[in-house]
Amino acid sequence: MWRALRWSLQGIREAWRLESSFRLEVYLFAVLAPLALLLGQGGLQKAVLLGSLLLVLAAELLNSAIEAVIERYGAEHHELVGRAKDMGSAAVFVLMLNVIFTWLLVLLPRCVGG
């Protein structure tokens, strides 16, 4: 279990060092996570708000892993390489939309009195 933790932390460290998108998403998490804890009413809302943010980070890590494997085999263009990179990016984008919709659905009713 300790080895798995060490490898996981090493992966996060490498993503931080090499991936500007991951760093940006961590900065957003650092801003939004305290807001989630402050604005969420009860444990479930707080968990949903935080969970939506964590999903983006997880998807970015997976996307970066896919890109690293692709780069291992060369930088020449191939249709499948482009497709894999685009789909990885799309997964992150979909989860960013999930953050927006989740936060709106949880917080908007309070703003409009519903």
PDB file of N, CA and C in Angstrom:
ATOM      1  N   MET A   1       0.822  -1.182   0.000  1.00  0.00           N
ATOM      2  CA  MET A   1       0.000   0.000   0.000  1.00  0.00           C
ATOM      3  C   MET A   1       0.877   1.261   0.000  1.00  0.00           C
ATOM      4  N   TRP A   2       1.976   1.239   0.754  1.00  0.00           N
ATOM      5  CA  TRP A   2       2.856   2.399   0.799  1.00  0.00           C
ATOM      6  C   TRP A   2       3.528   2.627  -0.538  1.00  0.00           C
ATOM      7  N   ARG A   3       3.877   1.536  -1.230  1.00  0.00           N
ATOM      8  CA  ARG A   3       4.479   1.677  -2.554  1.00  0.00           C
ATOM      9  C   ARG A   3       3.498   2.307  -3.528  1.00  0.00           C
ATOM     10  N   ALA A   4       2.256   1.855  -3.482  1.00  0.00           N
ATOM     11  CA  ALA A   4       1.229   2.421  -4.359  1.00  0.00           C
ATOM     12  C   ALA A   4       1.048   3.908  -4.085  1.00  0.00           C
ATOM     13  N   LEU A   5       1.052   4.280  -2.821  1.00  0.00           N
ATOM     14  CA  LEU A   5       0.947   5.699  -2.464  1.00  0.00           C
ATOM     15  C   LEU A   5       2.137   6.473  -3.019  1.00  0.00           C
ATOM     16  N   ARG A   6       3.330   5.911  -2.859  1.00  0.00           N
ATOM     17  CA  ARG A   6       4.530   6.582  -3.363  1.00  0.00           C
ATOM     18  C   ARG A   6       4.470   6.767  -4.872  1.00  0.00           C
ATOM     19  N   TRP A   7       4.044   5.721  -5.603  1.00  0.00           N
ATOM     20  CA  TRP A   7       3.946   5.811  -7.059  1.00  0.00           C
ATOM     21  C   TRP A   7       2.883   6.824  -7.476  1.00  0.00           C
ATOM     22  N   SER A   8       1.789   6.862  -6.749  1.00  0.00           N
ATOM     23  CA  SER A   8       0.736   7.827  -7.055  1.00  0.00           C
ATOM     24  C   SER A   8       1.231   9.255  -6.854  1.00  0.00           C
ATOM     25  N   LEU A   9       1.904   9.490  -5.745  1.00  0.00           N
ATOM     26  CA  LEU A   9       2.444  10.826  -5.492  1.00  0.00           C
ATOM     27  C   LEU A   9       3.504  11.199  -6.518  1.00  0.00           C
ATOM     28  N   GLN A  10       4.278  10.216  -6.945  1.00  0.00           N
ATOM     29  CA  GLN A  10       5.269  10.463  -7.993  1.00  0.00           C
ATOM     30  C   GLN A  10       4.574  10.861  -9.296  1.00  0.00           C
ATOM     31  N   GLY A  11       3.460  10.211  -9.620  1.00  0.00           N
ATOM     32  CA  GLY A  11       2.699  10.563 -10.819  1.00  0.00           C
ATOM     33  C   GLY A  11       2.137  11.969 -10.743  1.00  0.00           C
ATOM     34  N   ILE A  12       1.630  12.336  -9.580  1.00  0.00           N
ATOM     35  CA  ILE A  12       1.108  13.693  -9.400  1.00  0.00           C
ATOM     36  C   ILE A  12       2.244  14.711  -9.515  1.00  0.00           C
ATOM     37  N   ARG A  13       3.381  14.395  -8.925  1.00  0.00           N
ATOM     38  CA  ARG A  13       4.539  15.284  -8.996  1.00  0.00           C
ATOM     39  C   ARG A  13       4.985  15.480 -10.449  1.00  0.00           C
ATOM     40  N   GLU A  14       5.035  14.398 -11.226  1.00  0.00           N
ATOM     41  CA  GLU A  14       5.439  14.495 -12.628  1.00  0.00           C
ATOM     42  C   GLU A  14       4.413  15.277 -13.449  1.00  0.00           C
ATOM     43  N   ALA A  15       3.137  15.059 -13.181  1.00  0.00           N
ATOM     44  CA  ALA A  15       2.105  15.823 -13.887  1.00  0.00           C
ATOM     45  C   ALA A  15       2.250  17.308 -13.573  1.00  0.00           C
ATOM     46  N   TRP A  16       2.503  17.626 -12.321  1.00  0.00           N
ATOM     47  CA  TRP A  16       2.699  19.022 -11.922  1.00  0.00           C
ATOM     48  C   TRP A  16       3.904  19.619 -12.647  1.00  0.00           C
ATOM     49  N   ARG A  17       4.969  18.861 -12.720  1.00  0.00           N
ATOM     50  CA  ARG A  17       6.210  19.352 -13.317  1.00  0.00           C
ATOM     51  C   ARG A  17       6.105  19.516 -14.826  1.00  0.00           C
ATOM     52  N   LEU A  18       5.373  18.621 -15.497  1.00  0.00           N
ATOM     53  CA  LEU A  18       5.398  18.573 -16.955  1.00  0.00           C
ATOM     54  C   LEU A  18       4.146  19.080 -17.659  1.00  0.00           C
ATOM     55  N   GLU A  19       3.036  19.154 -16.963  1.00  0.00           N
ATOM     56  CA  GLU A  19       1.752  19.436 -17.621  1.00  0.00           C
ATOM     57  C   GLU A  19       1.156  20.757 -17.135  1.00  0.00           C
ATOM     58  N   SER A  20       1.196  21.769 -17.995  1.00  0.00           N
ATOM     59  CA  SER A  20       0.651  23.077 -17.612  1.00  0.00           C
ATOM     60  C   SER A  20      -0.857  23.013 -17.392  1.00  0.00           C
ATOM     61  N   SER A  21      -1.551  22.179 -18.149  1.00  0.00           N
ATOM     62  CA  SER A  21      -3.006  22.038 -17.954  1.00  0.00           C
ATOM     63  C   SER A  21      -3.310  21.499 -16.557  1.00  0.00           C
ATOM     64  N   PHE A  22      -2.532  20.528 -16.113  1.00  0.00           N
ATOM     65  CA  PHE A  22      -2.737  19.973 -14.772  1.00  0.00           C
ATOM     66  C   PHE A  22      -2.497  21.044 -13.713  1.00  0.00           C
ATOM     67  N   ARG A  23      -1.441  21.837 -13.879  1.00  0.00           N
ATOM     68  CA  ARG A  23      -1.173  22.905 -12.905  1.00  0.00           C
ATOM     69  C   ARG A  23      -2.329  23.899 -12.850  1.00  0.00           C
ATOM     70  N   LEU A  24      -2.851  24.286 -14.010  1.00  0.00           N
ATOM     71  CA  LEU A  24      -3.982  25.213 -14.054  1.00  0.00           C
ATOM     72  C   LEU A  24      -5.194  24.625 -13.336  1.00  0.00           C
ATOM     73  N   GLU A  25      -5.465  23.360 -13.578  1.00  0.00           N
ATOM     74  CA  GLU A  25      -6.615  22.720 -12.936  1.00  0.00           C
ATOM     75  C   GLU A  25      -6.414  22.586 -11.429  1.00  0.00           C
ATOM     76  N   VAL A  26      -5.174  22.378 -10.986  1.00  0.00           N
ATOM     77  CA  VAL A  26      -4.895  22.356  -9.544  1.00  0.00           C
ATOM     78  C   VAL A  26      -5.126  23.739  -8.944  1.00  0.00           C
ATOM     79  N   TYR A  27      -4.714  24.792  -9.650  1.00  0.00           N
ATOM     80  CA  TYR A  27      -4.968  26.155  -9.165  1.00  0.00           C
ATOM     81  C   TYR A  27      -6.476  26.402  -9.036  1.00  0.00           C
ATOM     82  N   LEU A  28      -7.230  25.969 -10.035  1.00  0.00           N
ATOM     83  CA  LEU A  28      -8.689  26.119  -9.960  1.00  0.00           C
ATOM     84  C   LEU A  28      -9.256  25.334  -8.784  1.00  0.00           C
ATOM     85  N   PHE A  29      -8.735  24.125  -8.573  1.00  0.00           N
ATOM     86  CA  PHE A  29      -9.160  23.324  -7.431  1.00  0.00           C
ATOM     87  C   PHE A  29      -8.860  24.055  -6.123  1.00  0.00           C
ATOM     88  N   ALA A  30      -7.681  24.659  -6.039  1.00  0.00           N
ATOM     89  CA  ALA A  30      -7.292  25.363  -4.816  1.00  0.00           C
ATOM     90  C   ALA A  30      -8.220  26.533  -4.510  1.00  0.00           C
ATOM     91  N   VAL A  31      -8.776  27.152  -5.545  1.00  0.00           N
ATOM     92  CA  VAL A  31      -9.718  28.261  -5.353  1.00  0.00           C
ATOM     93  C   VAL A  31     -11.122  27.736  -5.065  1.00  0.00           C
ATOM     94  N   LEU A  32     -11.536  26.740  -5.839  1.00  0.00           N
ATOM     95  CA  LEU A  32     -12.922  26.284  -5.756  1.00  0.00           C
ATOM     96  C   LEU A  32     -13.192  25.313  -4.604  1.00  0.00           C
ATOM     97  N   ALA A  33     -12.208  24.531  -4.185  1.00  0.00           N
ATOM     98  CA  ALA A  33     -12.437  23.568  -3.103  1.00  0.00           C
ATOM     99  C   ALA A  33     -12.872  24.247  -1.798  1.00  0.00           C
ATOM    100  N   PRO A  34     -12.193  25.311  -1.374  1.00  0.00           N
ATOM    101  CA  PRO A  34     -12.689  25.986  -0.168  1.00  0.00           C
ATOM    102  C   PRO A  34     -14.090  26.560  -0.357  1.00  0.00           C
ATOM    103  N   LEU A  35     -14.382  27.048  -1.571  1.00  0.00           N
ATOM    104  CA  LEU A  35     -15.741  27.550  -1.837  1.00  0.00           C
ATOM    105  C   LEU A  35     -16.758  26.421  -1.745  1.00  0.00           C
ATOM    106  N   ALA A  36     -16.394  25.243  -2.226  1.00  0.00           N
ATOM    107  CA  ALA A  36     -17.297  24.097  -2.136  1.00  0.00           C
ATOM    108  C   ALA A  36     -17.609  23.775  -0.683  1.00  0.00           C
ATOM    109  N   LEU A  37     -16.598  23.811   0.151  1.00  0.00           N
ATOM    110  CA  LEU A  37     -16.809  23.526   1.574  1.00  0.00           C
ATOM    111  C   LEU A  37     -17.614  24.627   2.252  1.00  0.00           C
ATOM    112  N   LEU A  38     -17.436  25.850   1.785  1.00  0.00           N
ATOM    113  CA  LEU A  38     -18.149  26.987   2.372  1.00  0.00           C
ATOM    114  C   LEU A  38     -19.602  27.052   1.891  1.00  0.00           C
ATOM    115  N   LEU A  39     -19.812  26.818   0.588  1.00  0.00           N
ATOM    116  CA  LEU A  39     -21.132  27.021  -0.008  1.00  0.00           C
ATOM    117  C   LEU A  39     -22.019  25.778   0.005  1.00  0.00           C
ATOM    118  N   GLY A  40     -21.413  24.618   0.060  1.00  0.00           N
ATOM    119  CA  GLY A  40     -22.221  23.399   0.085  1.00  0.00           C
ATOM    120  C   GLY A  40     -22.994  23.289   1.382  1.00  0.00           C
ATOM    121  N   GLN A  41     -24.254  22.931   1.263  1.00  0.00           N
ATOM    122  CA  GLN A  41     -25.088  22.766   2.450  1.00  0.00           C
ATOM    123  C   GLN A  41     -25.155  21.276   2.768  1.00  0.00           C
ATOM    124  N   GLY A  42     -24.450  20.889   3.782  1.00  0.00           N
ATOM    125  CA  GLY A  42     -24.419  19.497   4.183  1.00  0.00           C
ATOM    126  C   GLY A  42     -23.331  18.724   3.456  1.00  0.00           C
ATOM    127  N   GLY A  43     -23.090  17.538   3.961  1.00  0.00           N
ATOM    128  CA  GLY A  43     -22.019  16.711   3.440  1.00  0.00           C
ATOM    129  C   GLY A  43     -22.198  16.297   1.998  1.00  0.00           C
ATOM    130  N   LEU A  44     -23.422  15.994   1.603  1.00  0.00           N
ATOM    131  CA  LEU A  44     -23.648  15.523   0.242  1.00  0.00           C
ATOM    132  C   LEU A  44     -23.338  16.608  -0.789  1.00  0.00           C
ATOM    133  N   GLN A  45     -23.819  17.809  -0.571  1.00  0.00           N
ATOM    134  CA  GLN A  45     -23.520  18.894  -1.512  1.00  0.00           C
ATOM    135  C   GLN A  45     -22.034  19.190  -1.568  1.00  0.00           C
ATOM    136  N   LYS A  46     -21.388  19.208  -0.415  1.00  0.00           N
ATOM    137  CA  LYS A  46     -19.953  19.452  -0.394  1.00  0.00           C
ATOM    138  C   LYS A  46     -19.205  18.365  -1.154  1.00  0.00           C
ATOM    139  N   ALA A  47     -19.609  17.123  -0.964  1.00  0.00           N
ATOM    140  CA  ALA A  47     -18.962  16.001  -1.653  1.00  0.00           C
ATOM    141  C   ALA A  47     -19.177  16.072  -3.160  1.00  0.00           C
ATOM    142  N   VAL A  48     -20.370  16.451  -3.586  1.00  0.00           N
ATOM    143  CA  VAL A  48     -20.661  16.546  -5.023  1.00  0.00           C
ATOM    144  C   VAL A  48     -19.850  17.675  -5.656  1.00  0.00           C
ATOM    145  N   LEU A  49     -19.793  18.814  -4.992  1.00  0.00           N
ATOM    146  CA  LEU A  49     -19.017  19.940  -5.522  1.00  0.00           C
ATOM    147  C   LEU A  49     -17.531  19.599  -5.589  1.00  0.00           C
ATOM    148  N   LEU A  50     -16.993  19.033  -4.525  1.00  0.00           N
ATOM    149  CA  LEU A  50     -15.579  18.647  -4.517  1.00  0.00           C
ATOM    150  C   LEU A  50     -15.311  17.507  -5.503  1.00  0.00           C
ATOM    151  N   GLY A  51     -16.221  16.545  -5.531  1.00  0.00           N
ATOM    152  CA  GLY A  51     -16.044  15.401  -6.420  1.00  0.00           C
ATOM    153  C   GLY A  51     -15.982  15.795  -7.884  1.00  0.00           C
ATOM    154  N   SER A  52     -16.785  16.771  -8.271  1.00  0.00           N
ATOM    155  CA  SER A  52     -16.753  17.210  -9.665  1.00  0.00           C
ATOM    156  C   SER A  52     -15.384  17.795 -10.015  1.00  0.00           C
ATOM    157  N   LEU A  53     -14.768  18.474  -9.069  1.00  0.00           N
ATOM    158  CA  LEU A  53     -13.430  19.036  -9.291  1.00  0.00           C
ATOM    159  C   LEU A  53     -12.367  17.942  -9.358  1.00  0.00           C
ATOM    160  N   LEU A  54     -12.476  16.964  -8.477  1.00  0.00           N
ATOM    161  CA  LEU A  54     -11.501  15.873  -8.465  1.00  0.00           C
ATOM    162  C   LEU A  54     -11.570  15.036  -9.737  1.00  0.00           C
ATOM    163  N   LEU A  55     -12.767  14.892 -10.302  1.00  0.00           N
ATOM    164  CA  LEU A  55     -12.897  14.147 -11.558  1.00  0.00           C
ATOM    165  C   LEU A  55     -12.109  14.803 -12.685  1.00  0.00           C
ATOM    166  N   VAL A  56     -12.099  16.116 -12.718  1.00  0.00           N
ATOM    167  CA  VAL A  56     -11.318  16.825 -13.744  1.00  0.00           C
ATOM    168  C   VAL A  56      -9.833  16.511 -13.576  1.00  0.00           C
ATOM    169  N   LEU A  57      -9.347  16.548 -12.343  1.00  0.00           N
ATOM    170  CA  LEU A  57      -7.934  16.251 -12.109  1.00  0.00           C
ATOM    171  C   LEU A  57      -7.596  14.824 -12.510  1.00  0.00           C
ATOM    172  N   ALA A  58      -8.470  13.885 -12.171  1.00  0.00           N
ATOM    173  CA  ALA A  58      -8.228  12.486 -12.533  1.00  0.00           C
ATOM    174  C   ALA A  58      -8.208  12.309 -14.048  1.00  0.00           C
ATOM    175  N   ALA A  59      -9.146  12.945 -14.741  1.00  0.00           N
ATOM    176  CA  ALA A  59      -9.187  12.831 -16.199  1.00  0.00           C
ATOM    177  C   ALA A  59      -7.947  13.459 -16.824  1.00  0.00           C
ATOM    178  N   GLU A  60      -7.481  14.566 -16.269  1.00  0.00           N
ATOM    179  CA  GLU A  60      -6.274  15.204 -16.800  1.00  0.00           C
ATOM    180  C   GLU A  60      -5.060  14.301 -16.610  1.00  0.00           C
ATOM    181  N   LEU A  61      -4.983  13.627 -15.474  1.00  0.00           N
ATOM    182  CA  LEU A  61      -3.890  12.680 -15.256  1.00  0.00           C
ATOM    183  C   LEU A  61      -3.943  11.542 -16.276  1.00  0.00           C
ATOM    184  N   LEU A  62      -5.132  11.009 -16.520  1.00  0.00           N
ATOM    185  CA  LEU A  62      -5.276   9.940 -17.522  1.00  0.00           C
ATOM    186  C   LEU A  62      -4.941  10.443 -18.919  1.00  0.00           C
ATOM    187  N   ASN A  63      -5.400  11.639 -19.245  1.00  0.00           N
ATOM    188  CA  ASN A  63      -5.099  12.223 -20.551  1.00  0.00           C
ATOM    189  C   ASN A  63      -3.589  12.407 -20.722  1.00  0.00           C
ATOM    190  N   SER A  64      -2.929  12.876 -19.690  1.00  0.00           N
ATOM    191  CA  SER A  64      -1.480  13.048 -19.747  1.00  0.00           C
ATOM    192  C   SER A  64      -0.776  11.705 -19.889  1.00  0.00           C
ATOM    193  N   ALA A  65      -1.298  10.682 -19.240  1.00  0.00           N
ATOM    194  CA  ALA A  65      -0.708   9.343 -19.360  1.00  0.00           C
ATOM    195  C   ALA A  65      -0.842   8.822 -20.788  1.00  0.00           C
ATOM    196  N   ILE A  66      -2.005   9.022 -21.389  1.00  0.00           N
ATOM    197  CA  ILE A  66      -2.211   8.608 -22.781  1.00  0.00           C
ATOM    198  C   ILE A  66      -1.219   9.329 -23.692  1.00  0.00           C
ATOM    199  N   GLU A  67      -1.074  10.624 -23.506  1.00  0.00           N
ATOM    200  CA  GLU A  67      -0.158  11.398 -24.340  1.00  0.00           C
ATOM    201  C   GLU A  67       1.287  10.955 -24.152  1.00  0.00           C
ATOM    202  N   ALA A  68       1.664  10.603 -22.917  1.00  0.00           N
ATOM    203  CA  ALA A  68       3.027  10.142 -22.661  1.00  0.00           C
ATOM    204  C   ALA A  68       3.296   8.824 -23.382  1.00  0.00           C
ATOM    205  N   VAL A  69       2.341   7.919 -23.360  1.00  0.00           N
ATOM    206  CA  VAL A  69       2.509   6.642 -24.058  1.00  0.00           C
ATOM    207  C   VAL A  69       2.613   6.874 -25.560  1.00  0.00           C
ATOM    208  N   ILE A  70       1.787   7.759 -26.078  1.00  0.00           N
ATOM    209  CA  ILE A  70       1.826   8.057 -27.512  1.00  0.00           C
ATOM    210  C   ILE A  70       3.180   8.643 -27.892  1.00  0.00           C
ATOM    211  N   GLU A  71       3.687   9.575 -27.104  1.00  0.00           N
ATOM    212  CA  GLU A  71       4.974  10.199 -27.397  1.00  0.00           C
ATOM    213  C   GLU A  71       6.115   9.190 -27.320  1.00  0.00           C
ATOM    214  N   ARG A  72       5.962   8.163 -26.518  1.00  0.00           N
ATOM    215  CA  ARG A  72       6.986   7.117 -26.395  1.00  0.00           C
ATOM    216  C   ARG A  72       7.237   6.451 -27.737  1.00  0.00           C
ATOM    217  N   TYR A  73       6.210   6.350 -28.546  1.00  0.00           N
ATOM    218  CA  TYR A  73       6.323   5.637 -29.818  1.00  0.00           C
ATOM    219  C   TYR A  73       6.607   6.552 -30.999  1.00  0.00           C
ATOM    220  N   GLY A  74       6.867   7.815 -30.749  1.00  0.00           N
ATOM    221  CA  GLY A  74       7.267   8.714 -31.821  1.00  0.00           C
ATOM    222  C   GLY A  74       6.304   9.856 -32.010  1.00  0.00           C
ATOM    223  N   ALA A  75       6.827  10.910 -32.611  1.00  0.00           N
ATOM    224  CA  ALA A  75       6.049  12.137 -32.781  1.00  0.00           C
ATOM    225  C   ALA A  75       5.411  12.236 -34.166  1.00  0.00           C
ATOM    226  N   GLU A  76       5.648  11.248 -35.031  1.00  0.00           N
ATOM    227  CA  GLU A  76       5.066  11.338 -36.375  1.00  0.00           C
ATOM    228  C   GLU A  76       3.546  11.287 -36.293  1.00  0.00           C
ATOM    229  N   HIS A  77       2.917  11.999 -37.211  1.00  0.00           N
ATOM    230  CA  HIS A  77       1.460  12.090 -37.204  1.00  0.00           C
ATOM    231  C   HIS A  77       0.837  10.781 -37.690  1.00  0.00           C
ATOM    232  N   HIS A  78      -0.180  10.370 -36.995  1.00  0.00           N
ATOM    233  CA  HIS A  78      -0.978   9.212 -37.390  1.00  0.00           C
ATOM    234  C   HIS A  78      -2.410   9.508 -36.980  1.00  0.00           C
ATOM    235  N   GLU A  79      -3.343   9.087 -37.804  1.00  0.00           N
ATOM    236  CA  GLU A  79      -4.759   9.374 -37.534  1.00  0.00           C
ATOM    237  C   GLU A  79      -5.188   8.867 -36.163  1.00  0.00           C
ATOM    238  N   LEU A  80      -4.765   7.687 -35.776  1.00  0.00           N
ATOM    239  CA  LEU A  80      -5.163   7.118 -34.489  1.00  0.00           C
ATOM    240  C   LEU A  80      -4.539   7.877 -33.314  1.00  0.00           C
ATOM    241  N   VAL A  81      -3.333   8.370 -33.510  1.00  0.00           N
ATOM    242  CA  VAL A  81      -2.689   9.179 -32.470  1.00  0.00           C
ATOM    243  C   VAL A  81      -3.485  10.458 -32.247  1.00  0.00           C
ATOM    244  N   GLY A  82      -3.825  11.120 -33.336  1.00  0.00           N
ATOM    245  CA  GLY A  82      -4.631  12.340 -33.222  1.00  0.00           C
ATOM    246  C   GLY A  82      -5.970  12.075 -32.578  1.00  0.00           C
ATOM    247  N   ARG A  83      -6.580  10.970 -32.952  1.00  0.00           N
ATOM    248  CA  ARG A  83      -7.886  10.613 -32.384  1.00  0.00           C
ATOM    249  C   ARG A  83      -7.777  10.363 -30.879  1.00  0.00           C
ATOM    250  N   ALA A  84      -6.748   9.622 -30.465  1.00  0.00           N
ATOM    251  CA  ALA A  84      -6.568   9.331 -29.041  1.00  0.00           C
ATOM    252  C   ALA A  84      -6.343  10.608 -28.239  1.00  0.00           C
ATOM    253  N   LYS A  85      -5.503  11.494 -28.753  1.00  0.00           N
ATOM    254  CA  LYS A  85      -5.246  12.756 -28.053  1.00  0.00           C
ATOM    255  C   LYS A  85      -6.505  13.617 -27.978  1.00  0.00           C
ATOM    256  N   ASP A  86      -7.244  13.689 -29.081  1.00  0.00           N
ATOM    257  CA  ASP A  86      -8.473  14.477 -29.098  1.00  0.00           C
ATOM    258  C   ASP A  86      -9.509  13.919 -28.135  1.00  0.00           C
ATOM    259  N   MET A  87      -9.625  12.601 -28.084  1.00  0.00           N
ATOM    260  CA  MET A  87     -10.605  11.992 -27.184  1.00  0.00           C
ATOM    261  C   MET A  87     -10.222  12.186 -25.720  1.00  0.00           C
ATOM    262  N   GLY A  88      -8.927  12.107 -25.419  1.00  0.00           N
ATOM    263  CA  GLY A  88      -8.480  12.381 -24.053  1.00  0.00           C
ATOM    264  C   GLY A  88      -8.794  13.808 -23.644  1.00  0.00           C
ATOM    265  N   SER A  89      -8.540  14.731 -24.556  1.00  0.00           N
ATOM    266  CA  SER A  89      -8.851  16.131 -24.297  1.00  0.00           C
ATOM    267  C   SER A  89     -10.360  16.337 -24.141  1.00  0.00           C
ATOM    268  N   ALA A  90     -11.126  15.652 -24.968  1.00  0.00           N
ATOM    269  CA  ALA A  90     -12.590  15.764 -24.891  1.00  0.00           C
ATOM    270  C   ALA A  90     -13.110  15.249 -23.552  1.00  0.00           C
ATOM    271  N   ALA A  91     -12.490  14.194 -23.022  1.00  0.00           N
ATOM    272  CA  ALA A  91     -12.917  13.669 -21.721  1.00  0.00           C
ATOM    273  C   ALA A  91     -12.733  14.722 -20.631  1.00  0.00           C
ATOM    274  N   VAL A  92     -11.610  15.415 -20.657  1.00  0.00           N
ATOM    275  CA  VAL A  92     -11.369  16.486 -19.685  1.00  0.00           C
ATOM    276  C   VAL A  92     -12.408  17.595 -19.872  1.00  0.00           C
ATOM    277  N   PHE A  93     -12.674  17.957 -21.107  1.00  0.00           N
ATOM    278  CA  PHE A  93     -13.651  19.006 -21.395  1.00  0.00           C
ATOM    279  C   PHE A  93     -15.044  18.634 -20.878  1.00  0.00           C
ATOM    280  N   VAL A  94     -15.457  17.400 -21.113  1.00  0.00           N
ATOM    281  CA  VAL A  94     -16.777  16.952 -20.643  1.00  0.00           C
ATOM    282  C   VAL A  94     -16.852  17.038 -19.120  1.00  0.00           C
ATOM    283  N   LEU A  95     -15.781  16.674 -18.442  1.00  0.00           N
ATOM    284  CA  LEU A  95     -15.799  16.759 -16.981  1.00  0.00           C
ATOM    285  C   LEU A  95     -15.736  18.202 -16.483  1.00  0.00           C
ATOM    286  N   MET A  96     -15.163  19.096 -17.285  1.00  0.00           N
ATOM    287  CA  MET A  96     -15.233  20.519 -16.926  1.00  0.00           C
ATOM    288  C   MET A  96     -16.671  21.027 -17.062  1.00  0.00           C
ATOM    289  N   LEU A  97     -17.362  20.560 -18.099  1.00  0.00           N
ATOM    290  CA  LEU A  97     -18.785  20.895 -18.214  1.00  0.00           C
ATOM    291  C   LEU A  97     -19.555  20.343 -17.022  1.00  0.00           C
ATOM    292  N   ASN A  98     -19.178  19.164 -16.581  1.00  0.00           N
ATOM    293  CA  ASN A  98     -19.807  18.568 -15.406  1.00  0.00           C
ATOM    294  C   ASN A  98     -19.629  19.472 -14.185  1.00  0.00           C
ATOM    295  N   VAL A  99     -18.454  20.061 -14.029  1.00  0.00           N
ATOM    296  CA  VAL A  99     -18.224  20.990 -12.913  1.00  0.00           C
ATOM    297  C   VAL A  99     -19.194  22.165 -13.015  1.00  0.00           C
ATOM    298  N   ILE A 100     -19.290  22.745 -14.192  1.00  0.00           N
ATOM    299  CA  ILE A 100     -20.162  23.912 -14.372  1.00  0.00           C
ATOM    300  C   ILE A 100     -21.611  23.551 -14.058  1.00  0.00           C
ATOM    301  N   PHE A 101     -22.105  22.476 -14.656  1.00  0.00           N
ATOM    302  CA  PHE A 101     -23.504  22.083 -14.438  1.00  0.00           C
ATOM    303  C   PHE A 101     -23.764  21.697 -12.987  1.00  0.00           C
ATOM    304  N   THR A 102     -22.828  20.977 -12.386  1.00  0.00           N
ATOM    305  CA  THR A 102     -22.996  20.571 -10.990  1.00  0.00           C
ATOM    306  C   THR A 102     -23.072  21.786 -10.078  1.00  0.00           C
ATOM    307  N   TRP A 103     -22.141  22.705 -10.255  1.00  0.00           N
ATOM    308  CA  TRP A 103     -22.128  23.893  -9.404  1.00  0.00           C
ATOM    309  C   TRP A 103     -23.381  24.736  -9.622  1.00  0.00           C
ATOM    310  N   LEU A 104     -23.801  24.869 -10.882  1.00  0.00           N
ATOM    311  CA  LEU A 104     -25.033  25.628 -11.149  1.00  0.00           C
ATOM    312  C   LEU A 104     -26.240  24.963 -10.512  1.00  0.00           C
ATOM    313  N   LEU A 105     -26.373  23.660 -10.680  1.00  0.00           N
ATOM    314  CA  LEU A 105     -27.537  22.955 -10.140  1.00  0.00           C
ATOM    315  C   LEU A 105     -27.573  22.962  -8.619  1.00  0.00           C
ATOM    316  N   VAL A 106     -26.411  22.954  -7.993  1.00  0.00           N
ATOM    317  CA  VAL A 106     -26.370  22.960  -6.532  1.00  0.00           C
ATOM    318  C   VAL A 106     -26.554  24.375  -5.982  1.00  0.00           C
ATOM    319  N   LEU A 107     -25.911  25.345  -6.606  1.00  0.00           N
ATOM    320  CA  LEU A 107     -25.876  26.695  -6.019  1.00  0.00           C
ATOM    321  C   LEU A 107     -26.916  27.655  -6.566  1.00  0.00           C
ATOM    322  N   LEU A 108     -27.323  27.502  -7.811  1.00  0.00           N
ATOM    323  CA  LEU A 108     -28.247  28.461  -8.428  1.00  0.00           C
ATOM    324  C   LEU A 108     -29.597  28.551  -7.706  1.00  0.00           C
ATOM    325  N   PRO A 109     -30.187  27.440  -7.266  1.00  0.00           N
ATOM    326  CA  PRO A 109     -31.473  27.584  -6.574  1.00  0.00           C
ATOM    327  C   PRO A 109     -31.422  28.510  -5.357  1.00  0.00           C
ATOM    328  N   ARG A 110     -30.303  28.560  -4.692  1.00  0.00           N
ATOM    329  CA  ARG A 110     -30.182  29.481  -3.559  1.00  0.00           C
ATOM    330  C   ARG A 110     -30.100  30.923  -3.998  1.00  0.00           C
ATOM    331  N   CYS A 111     -29.492  31.142  -5.167  1.00  0.00           N
ATOM    332  CA  CYS A 111     -29.343  32.512  -5.660  1.00  0.00           C
ATOM    333  C   CYS A 111     -30.654  33.082  -6.172  1.00  0.00           C
ATOM    334  N   VAL A 112     -31.516  32.238  -6.692  1.00  0.00           N
ATOM    335  CA  VAL A 112     -32.789  32.702  -7.242  1.00  0.00           C
ATOM    336  C   VAL A 112     -33.952  32.424  -6.299  1.00  0.00           C
ATOM    337  N   GLY A 113     -33.621  31.976  -5.101  1.00  0.00           N
ATOM    338  CA  GLY A 113     -34.657  31.787  -4.099  1.00  0.00           C
ATOM    339  C   GLY A 113     -35.488  30.533  -4.255  1.00  0.00           C
ATOM    340  N   GLY A 114     -34.953  29.529  -4.966  1.00  0.00           N
ATOM    341  CA  GLY A 114     -35.725  28.322  -5.196  1.00  0.00           C
ATOM    342  C   GLY A 114     -35.214  27.230  -4.383  1.00  0.00           C
TER     343      GLY A 114
END
